[in-house]
Each structure stands twice: as C-alpha cells, then as structure tokens.
Amino acid sequence: MGKKKEGRKEGRKEGRKEGRKGKKERKKERKKERKKERKKERKKERKKERKKERKTATALLSAMKLQWLWHFLPCCFLLSMLLLPAGAEQHMFDVTIWPENPVVEHGGSLWLNCSTSCQEADARGGLETSLMKKKKDNGTHWAVFQLVNITEWASATECSFSCYGEHKSVQANIMVYQIPEHVVLDPVPIMEMGKMYNLTCRVANAAPIQLLTVTLYKGTEKLHIETFENHSAPGASDILVTFPITAQQDNHMEEVTCHIALDMRPRGQLLEKTSFREVLKVFGFLADPQLHTSRYVEASSNLSVTCEVAGIFPAEEAQFDLKFGEQSLNASITLSGNTVRAEAQVSSLPTGNYLLNCTVSLGAMTKSAVETMHIYSFPQPSLEVHPSEALANQLVTILCNSSAPEPPSFSLQIQNASGGILASSDEFPLQFNLTAQEEDNEQEFVCAVELEIDGKTLTKHTSATLTVFYVPEMDELSCPSNRTWVERTQQMLHCLAKGNPKPLVACFKEGIAYDVEEKKQVDRSHAGIYNCTATNELGSSTRTITIRVEYGPELGESKCPSHQTWLEGSLWNLSCLADGIPIPEVFCIKDGKVYNAGRMHNITQSHAGVYYCNATNVHGSVTKMVAVTVEYEPEMDDSSCPHNWILTVGAPHMFTCFAWGNPEPTVECTKDGMAYSPGVLQNVTREYAGSYLCTATNIHGSISRAVSIQVEYKPEMDESNCPSNWTLVEEALPTFLCKADGLPPPEIICTKDNRSYDLSQGQRILANNGTFWCNATNRHGSEAKAVKITVETKPKMDESSCPSNQTWLEGTLQSLACEANGIPTPLVLCAKEGTTGKIYREQNVSRNDSGIYECNATNGHGTERWMVNVQVEYRPAIAILSVSGSLPIRRGENITVTCQADGSPAASYTWRLPNASNVIFIGNNSTVIIVHADGQNNGVYECTASNKHGQQHSQVEIQVEDHWLYIIVIVAIAGATMLVLGGMAGIIYYLKSTACKKGEYNVRDAENSTEATFLNRERPCDIDIYGIQLTRT
C-alpha cells in the first residue's frame, strides 16, 4: 500500500509540473497567434496586387500546347503555389504520457500521467485501456490514472485529449515481467570419465522470455550461455536449458550452477537468480586389476600377494577385496598418482589348489582379477655314504632316498660336487656303487629330488662327504724339482706331499737339515741341490730339488767407463757391460735415441754427448751416465757463416763467421787478397759489397766457405731513367716508362686521375695528357717525382663537333658549325660538292645553298674528312589556286578547288569557305570537292598554306547559276512568308493591346478555330507574352 501511495503522489507531482508547463506554452502560443495575424494582413495586400495577373496567366496557360506546358511546368507550378488561397487557421498541440515505456511486475500496479500542451481552458483528456483503473486525479491539461492488478502480458493503453475540436492520442508501451519462481539444476549422477552427460537447468514461470539469459557455470568458468530473442509467445513460460558435458578428471568435485538474468534495462532493472550448487563427481576405471604373486608355493612357506590397478580415479576411493580361497585377506593400501596397490601376506598354507581373487570397486563399477594357486608339499631327501672312510681302491655304496610319496612327478639324482649326474631314477631309493680313489678324498656327493608341477620343475638337495686314506706322494705340481729364488727376497723351501693321513716333509742340503717351515732372506749361498722326504703311517716318498738364486744388474767402472773419447769417421762401440742373473740386457739412450752397447758405430759428431746406460733383467735395472767426447775437423754452414749477407747503407753491422770443430778451430776471411777479421762492428757502405773467402782450421784439418755481401739502399730517380717531361703521339701508341735505382729493386707506382699504374717491371703504359705522380718505394725508403705528359693527336670530327645534318633558314646569316678535335688545334675548311669556294665565315643563305658539303680538318699529324648535309628551309608560297570546270557553274555540277604551295618543310592547308554540307576535303586538305553545287556554295574560297616559318593566303570566288523555275518557287515562298508574318504581327498586337491587358480574350474559343504557338522559348513566364501565332485548321 505504501508503494501505491507513493505512486499517487508522484503522479500528482508530475501532473502539476505538466500544468505549469501548459501555462508557459499558452503564452508562447498567444505570441505566435499575434505574429500570424500580422502576416495574414500582409498576404491579403499582396493577393489583391496579383489577382489580375493570376486570372490572365490562368487563361493563357490553359490554352498552351503540351510542348509549351513542358518547358513552363516549373514556373507554372511556382505560380500556382503562390495563387493558392491561404488555409484555415490550425491549433497545434501535443499529447504526452509518462512514463512512456513503463515496466511493472505481473499482478502489480502502475501510475500513468497524461498531459497536453493545448491552450483551450476546457481541454479534457482520458485513458483508454483494457487494464483495471482504480484511481484518477486531474488538473488543468493533465490527468493521473492508477492501473492495478496488471496481469495482461500485452495490453493496449491510450491517453487522449480533445483541443478546439481536434482529437489526439498517444499509447503507453507497458512491459509486464515475472520473476522466475525457482531456478533448479537437475542432480548430476556420478560420471564415468570419457562419457557424455547433460547438465539441465529448469527455469519456472519467467517473463518476458525474450529478455532472459541462462548461463551455466563450472566454478567461475562459463560453460554455456543461452538467450531467447526469437521467443514469440507472450506471457510467462517454463524454460529448459540442456548442455552436454564430457566427464574429465579435472571436472571432479567442481561445482556447477545455473544463473538466470532478466535484463530489462534501460526501461527497467536487471533481475538475477542462481540455482543451488551441484558438485560433479567423476570416476575413471580404465584398466583391470593385476595380481602379482607366485603361482606355486610350498606349504611350509609364506605367500606375498599384490593387487595393482592403474588408471583409476579418484584412486583414494577405490575399495579392495582380497580373498585366498574363502579366506579374506587383510591388505595394506598404497597410492601413487592414479595407481592403487593392495598388499597382503598368507601363512600356514594347506596343500592343494586355491583361487586368489582381487575385486576392486569404484562407484558403481567393479572389476576382478583371479589366479589359481598351487600349494604343494616337498620334503628334503636323505643321502648315505657307506663306509664314509675308506682305503684307496675300497668299494663304497651311496644311497639316495626321499620320504615323500611317489607321484609320477618325483625323480631322484646322485650328483658329484661339480654337478655331474652319477645316477638317476623315478624309483625310491636310488643306489650308486664306486671304488674309492685318492682323488675321491673329501669328495662331496649330492642327492637331488625333482618335483614337476604343471610343467614347472622344483628341486631340493642333500649332500655327504667321502674320506679316502692313501700313502704319501709328491709330484712336480706339489713339489717342483727346479726352483728359482731372487736375492734379498723372503722364501721358504715349500714342498707339499699328498697322503691321508697327512705326511711330514724334511729337506737336506749337503747333509745339513733345512727348515722347510720358516721363511728366510735369500742370498747367493742358497743356490744348490736339496733332498726332501714325505712320511705318514702308510709309507714315505723322496724327491730331489735344485734351487737357483737370481739377482739384479750391476754396472762397474771396469766394464762400463764413465768417460770415453771417440774420433769422427772411425768405427767405435759404446763399451758398457753388466753383471747379473739372468744376464742383463744393456742399452744406452742419448737424446731419446737407443744405442745397443757393444755394437760398432760409424762415429759422427752427433754421437758426442751424455749417454744414459741401463742394464735390465727380470729383477730390476740400474742406470749409469757415460760422457762421450767426439773430436772432428772444422765445419761451417749458413747458421755459423751464411753464404749471403744483405746489409743496408749507413746501418751499423758486425760481420760474423765462425766454425764448429773439436778442438775449436780458428777462422780468417779475405776479399780481393785483403784479410778481414770477423766480429768487428762498423757502419755499412756500398764498398762492403762483394765476395769473401773464410777458412776455419784445427788439428784435424781445415775448411773454406765463400761469403757474398749485398748492400741495399733506398730508391733514386733522375732524368736519365725517369724524364720529367714527355711528348707523345696518340697514333703511335703513346706510352711512357719510369725507372728507379735502388736495392732491392723499387716498386714504381705512377698515379693520375685517381688511377694507379705499376711500372716496377720496366713496362710501358698508355698515356694521355696530364701529370703523373710517380713514387719509387722499397723497404729502405721512397722517392717521388712529377712527370708531365703531352699527347698530340691528329684531327677528328664527329656528330658532337660537326653535326652531319644541319638545317638553315632562308634569308638568315649562317655558317657551317664544324669544329675538329686534335692537338695541336686543327684548321677546318668546308666546301659544297661540285664547287671550289671555301666557307670561312657567316653568309646570307638562300634555298640554293641546300646540298652536301665536305669539311676537312688538318694539323701536323694528318687530315680528317667529314660530310655535312645542309637543308635550307623557307616559308610557303602558293603557286596554284584553280577551280575545275567552266564558269559560270551551273547548279548540280561537281566542282574541284585545288591549292598548291611551295615551302620547306612542306606546307599544311586550311580553308575559309561558305558553310555547306556538300563539301569534301582530300589530299592533305589541299583540294576541296563540292558535290552537286547549289546556292549554298556561293562565295569566296580562301586557301591558307602554312609551315613553321610562316603562311600565305590566296582566294577565289565561286557563283552557282540557278534555273528560272527555281527562282519563281523561291519568290513564291518568300511572298507566302511575308503574309504569314504580317498575320502574326496583327495577332500579337491584338493580344498585347486587348486580351493581355483586359483579360477578356477567350482562349478556349480561339482553340476551336486556331492553334496557339509559343514563339520565344527563352523568355520567362512572368513577363509580357509577345508572340502567339494562330493558324486555322
């Protein structure tokens, strides 16, 4: 009720506002009315002035032909608009309704305010509607209505006012909405991964459906949006929105909701509603369970069982049921990602076959894995050896047995210690007999029982040992007859004897007992022959042993001197021998090279030096340093006394030359019979250059060596090898060269115009006028010089210096524009072919000067001949202007008018002649042909010949003679024309003086007997009409 009161208050306020607005509008309307009255008075005055004009114009326009009406239609339309009578006065007003687009909830109420701008005091309005009106309040020019219990979805509501007898109305567009009673999201079943399910949202009793938006959310993610703009039925409806979703692992425990929005903006508000949340549950059970255990288990052992499932989700919700036969197992569960593992232990297993079952449940899905377990009994076998202690060659019995029953799957074996099968059988017991031998002592025998279950073989073993007694024995393996000991090592005279009971061993050397149980440090005295005897209760055995003592190498001064002297070129050996057992191998090393001691060598200087001699046997090695001196005669080479020396002038230098030799030699050098002592520092001059002989001498001989000294100096250039000025002739291949003195030979580079030329090898280069800058360079310096080149050439003419085609204008001063290139500058003389006169200067030319001219250019190196074609141009001159046929020219004849002119370049032709349609131009416009001549061809025919230098005119007059009958016809036509013109003038005068002024001429009567014709189309319709031609029909 409070809302309704507020609505009524608001309606009244709006009504009062509209009333105040109406007063202001009435004032404005009164001002407008006064303005309109003043305009009306002015219009009346203008109407009186134009009254006569409208009547006359109306009469004339109704008499015009269609052609006249077409051209004057715009003007006449404007005139008719001006002549329309003024309309009746109108009262303008508006009708408004507020709100124009109201929004109301279904079953609610609404206030509507109707108002008008009408100034009539008694203006009244009303509201026509199919809805229920409860209250009404009104004032001047406004009315407020309350609509209640609005349940119509599409209603017609119209507000109307009458003002000064005129009725106006406006409609209100009412929107009725219904908030949905509920928004429900259907429960979603537990979903299996990979399968598709539907999310269904139900919206009950909502309107208007066209403004409804349904959104399905997964968390905050929008899964689906659906709108209903194309819904056509009015009123509230139930909406069902379905969206398919494929179950994925990441959907698990996600919340989904259905959200609806009824968006009536901007007319109304936004209404929203959301369903209760539904939680998605997803499970995945992709793989079957896998059992991991041994299928064959002995009854006395424990069984470990593992059941594993991979690719299961959610793994923590998986339920395991492990059963061994009818016994449920207590399993421990472990998780690893999407893999679940159940582990259990089974003990006290009875024999037989049992089913091991693993059942895994997740949600509504259950999967199982089944294995058949084989529980078997397998007792240990027994083994007896009789007798267990026997003498060699005594018979021994071995018995293998088992206490188990004898199913077909059991078998027995007797094996030796290496696994070899001595006997086997499927029958119990199994017996094996053997004769004891010495090698059977401490032999282990095995009784093996095999059990086969479903193709799988199981085995158990029992072992026993046999003891065999025999007399002592010693052989090469247990007591070697030859032994080698190394000096200073710890050794024991170890000699083993075979025998059971174990024998005692005693050894003697030269009648003296040697303790065989103690290790001693070996020396060279231990070498010799020993006698050893082994003894037990059954007998004895004796063996002879030889011991050799070895020791490492020794190098003494007597057999390997530390200093030795050799002579180059002789045969000599490195004397170095060693003591040791075994005999040592001796070798010596010098500078990485190995020398065999005792081997003869051809001695060279390279043998001198320090040798490291090494004596080696299996027990070690010893090294000794041996110094060898090799004496030899003097020697010189490029390293000690170079054959070639390169010196520089002015540089300090020491000339050195020495020799090798043992003893050290003396060196002396001579040049041109004079002796020089090497090793003196001096400044180099060019006189140092030359050949020297250097000789080295010691007690073993002498040697000489030739030495050449070259003295180098920086480049030098003078006029003899590089002149500063050159004069060359082009036709003689103008080349020049530039040389320089210097050691080493300089590199000579000459540069001109940023281009360089290499003259180092004395070659010539092509040259042109200008200055070359030449630079001679070697490693000791450089020298520069400017070389001026003057190249003279014979005359040469081309298109640039003497165009072969030249054009002159008659009557102007001209000369042949010819020059020639050449050094010195050539003299050019030209003459026309067939004449002897030479052209030296400008002269006044005529058309006779056209022709071929020969020009000759001459200097001291020759003459060049060049031909020039001269064309003299001049303005046109008309030579012929003729008319074909005889004069006078009769009507209908064909006539030719020809115009010919002389000019250079050739003239072009234009004509000025009578305008006629039977004229044809041919021959570059130089000829005019008149086809079937008549009177239109009479007149002057003027020909104009022109080129770029001017033009000339010439004319001829042509008269075409007419036939006498034709003349009579023309005269008759002229008379008739005059009569018609006179009649028209009379009519025009009458219209201007009578009908146009008084408005009394009856154009409709005139149309019954005459035709009115508009004579001047270019004049406007608002001035006097001066020409109407009436023609009788």
Foldseek 3Di string as FASTA:
>chain_A
DVVVVVQVVVQVVVQVVLVVVLVVLLVVVVVVVVVVVVVVVVLVVVCVVCVLVVLLLVQVVVFADPVLCVLFVVVVVVVVVSNDDDDDDDFDKDKDKPPQEAEEEQQAKHKMKIFMNANDQPKDKDKDKPFDWDDKDHDGRMIMIMGGNHHDQFMWIKIWIAHPNDIDIGTHRYHYWYQFPAKAWDADDAAEAQDKDKTKIKTHWTPPQQQKKKFKDFANDTDDIDGPVVDDDTGTGMDMDIDMDGDDQVLAQTKMKMKMWRPPPPNDHIDIDIYDIHTHHYKYQDDAKDKDWDQEAEQQDKTKIKIKGAPIPPQVQKDKWWDKAPRTFDWDWDDDPRMIMTMGMGHNHDADKTKIKIWIDDVPDIHMDIDIHGYHHDDAKDKDKPPQEEEAQAKIKIKIFDPDDQDVQKKKFKAWPVGHTPDIGSDPIDMDMDGHHLVLAQIKIKIKMWGADPNDIDIHIDIDHHHYFDWKDFDCVQQNQEEEAEAQDWDANGGAIDGPVGWDKWKDDPNHTDDRVGIDGDDQVPFAKMKMKTGDPRGIDIGIHGYGYWYWKDWDCVQQPQEEEAEAQDKDFRRTAIDTVVGWAKWKDDPRDIHGGPDIDRDDQVVFAKIWMWTDDPHGIDIDIHGYHYFYWKDFDCVQQNQEAEAEAFDKDFHGHAIDGVVGWDKWKDDPRHIDDGDDIDGDDQVVFDKMKMKTGDPRGIDIGIHGYGYWYWKDFDCVQANQEEEAEVVVQDKDAHAIDTPPQWWKWKDDPNDIDTCSVVDIDRDAFDKIWIWTGDPRGIDIGIHGYHYWYWKDWDCVAFNQEEEAEAQDWDFRRHAIDTVPGWDKWKDFPPDDDTTDGTDHDHQVPFHKMWMWTGDPVGIDIGIHGYGYWYWKDWDDWDKDDDPPAAAQDKIKTAIAIDTPPFWAKDKDFFDDDQWDADDNSRMIIGGRDDQSRFFKIKMWTGDPHGIDIDIDTHGYDYDPVVVVVVVVVVVVVVVQVVQFQVVLVCCVVPCSVPVPDNSVVLVVFWRWDQDDSPDRDPDDRRTTRTDGD
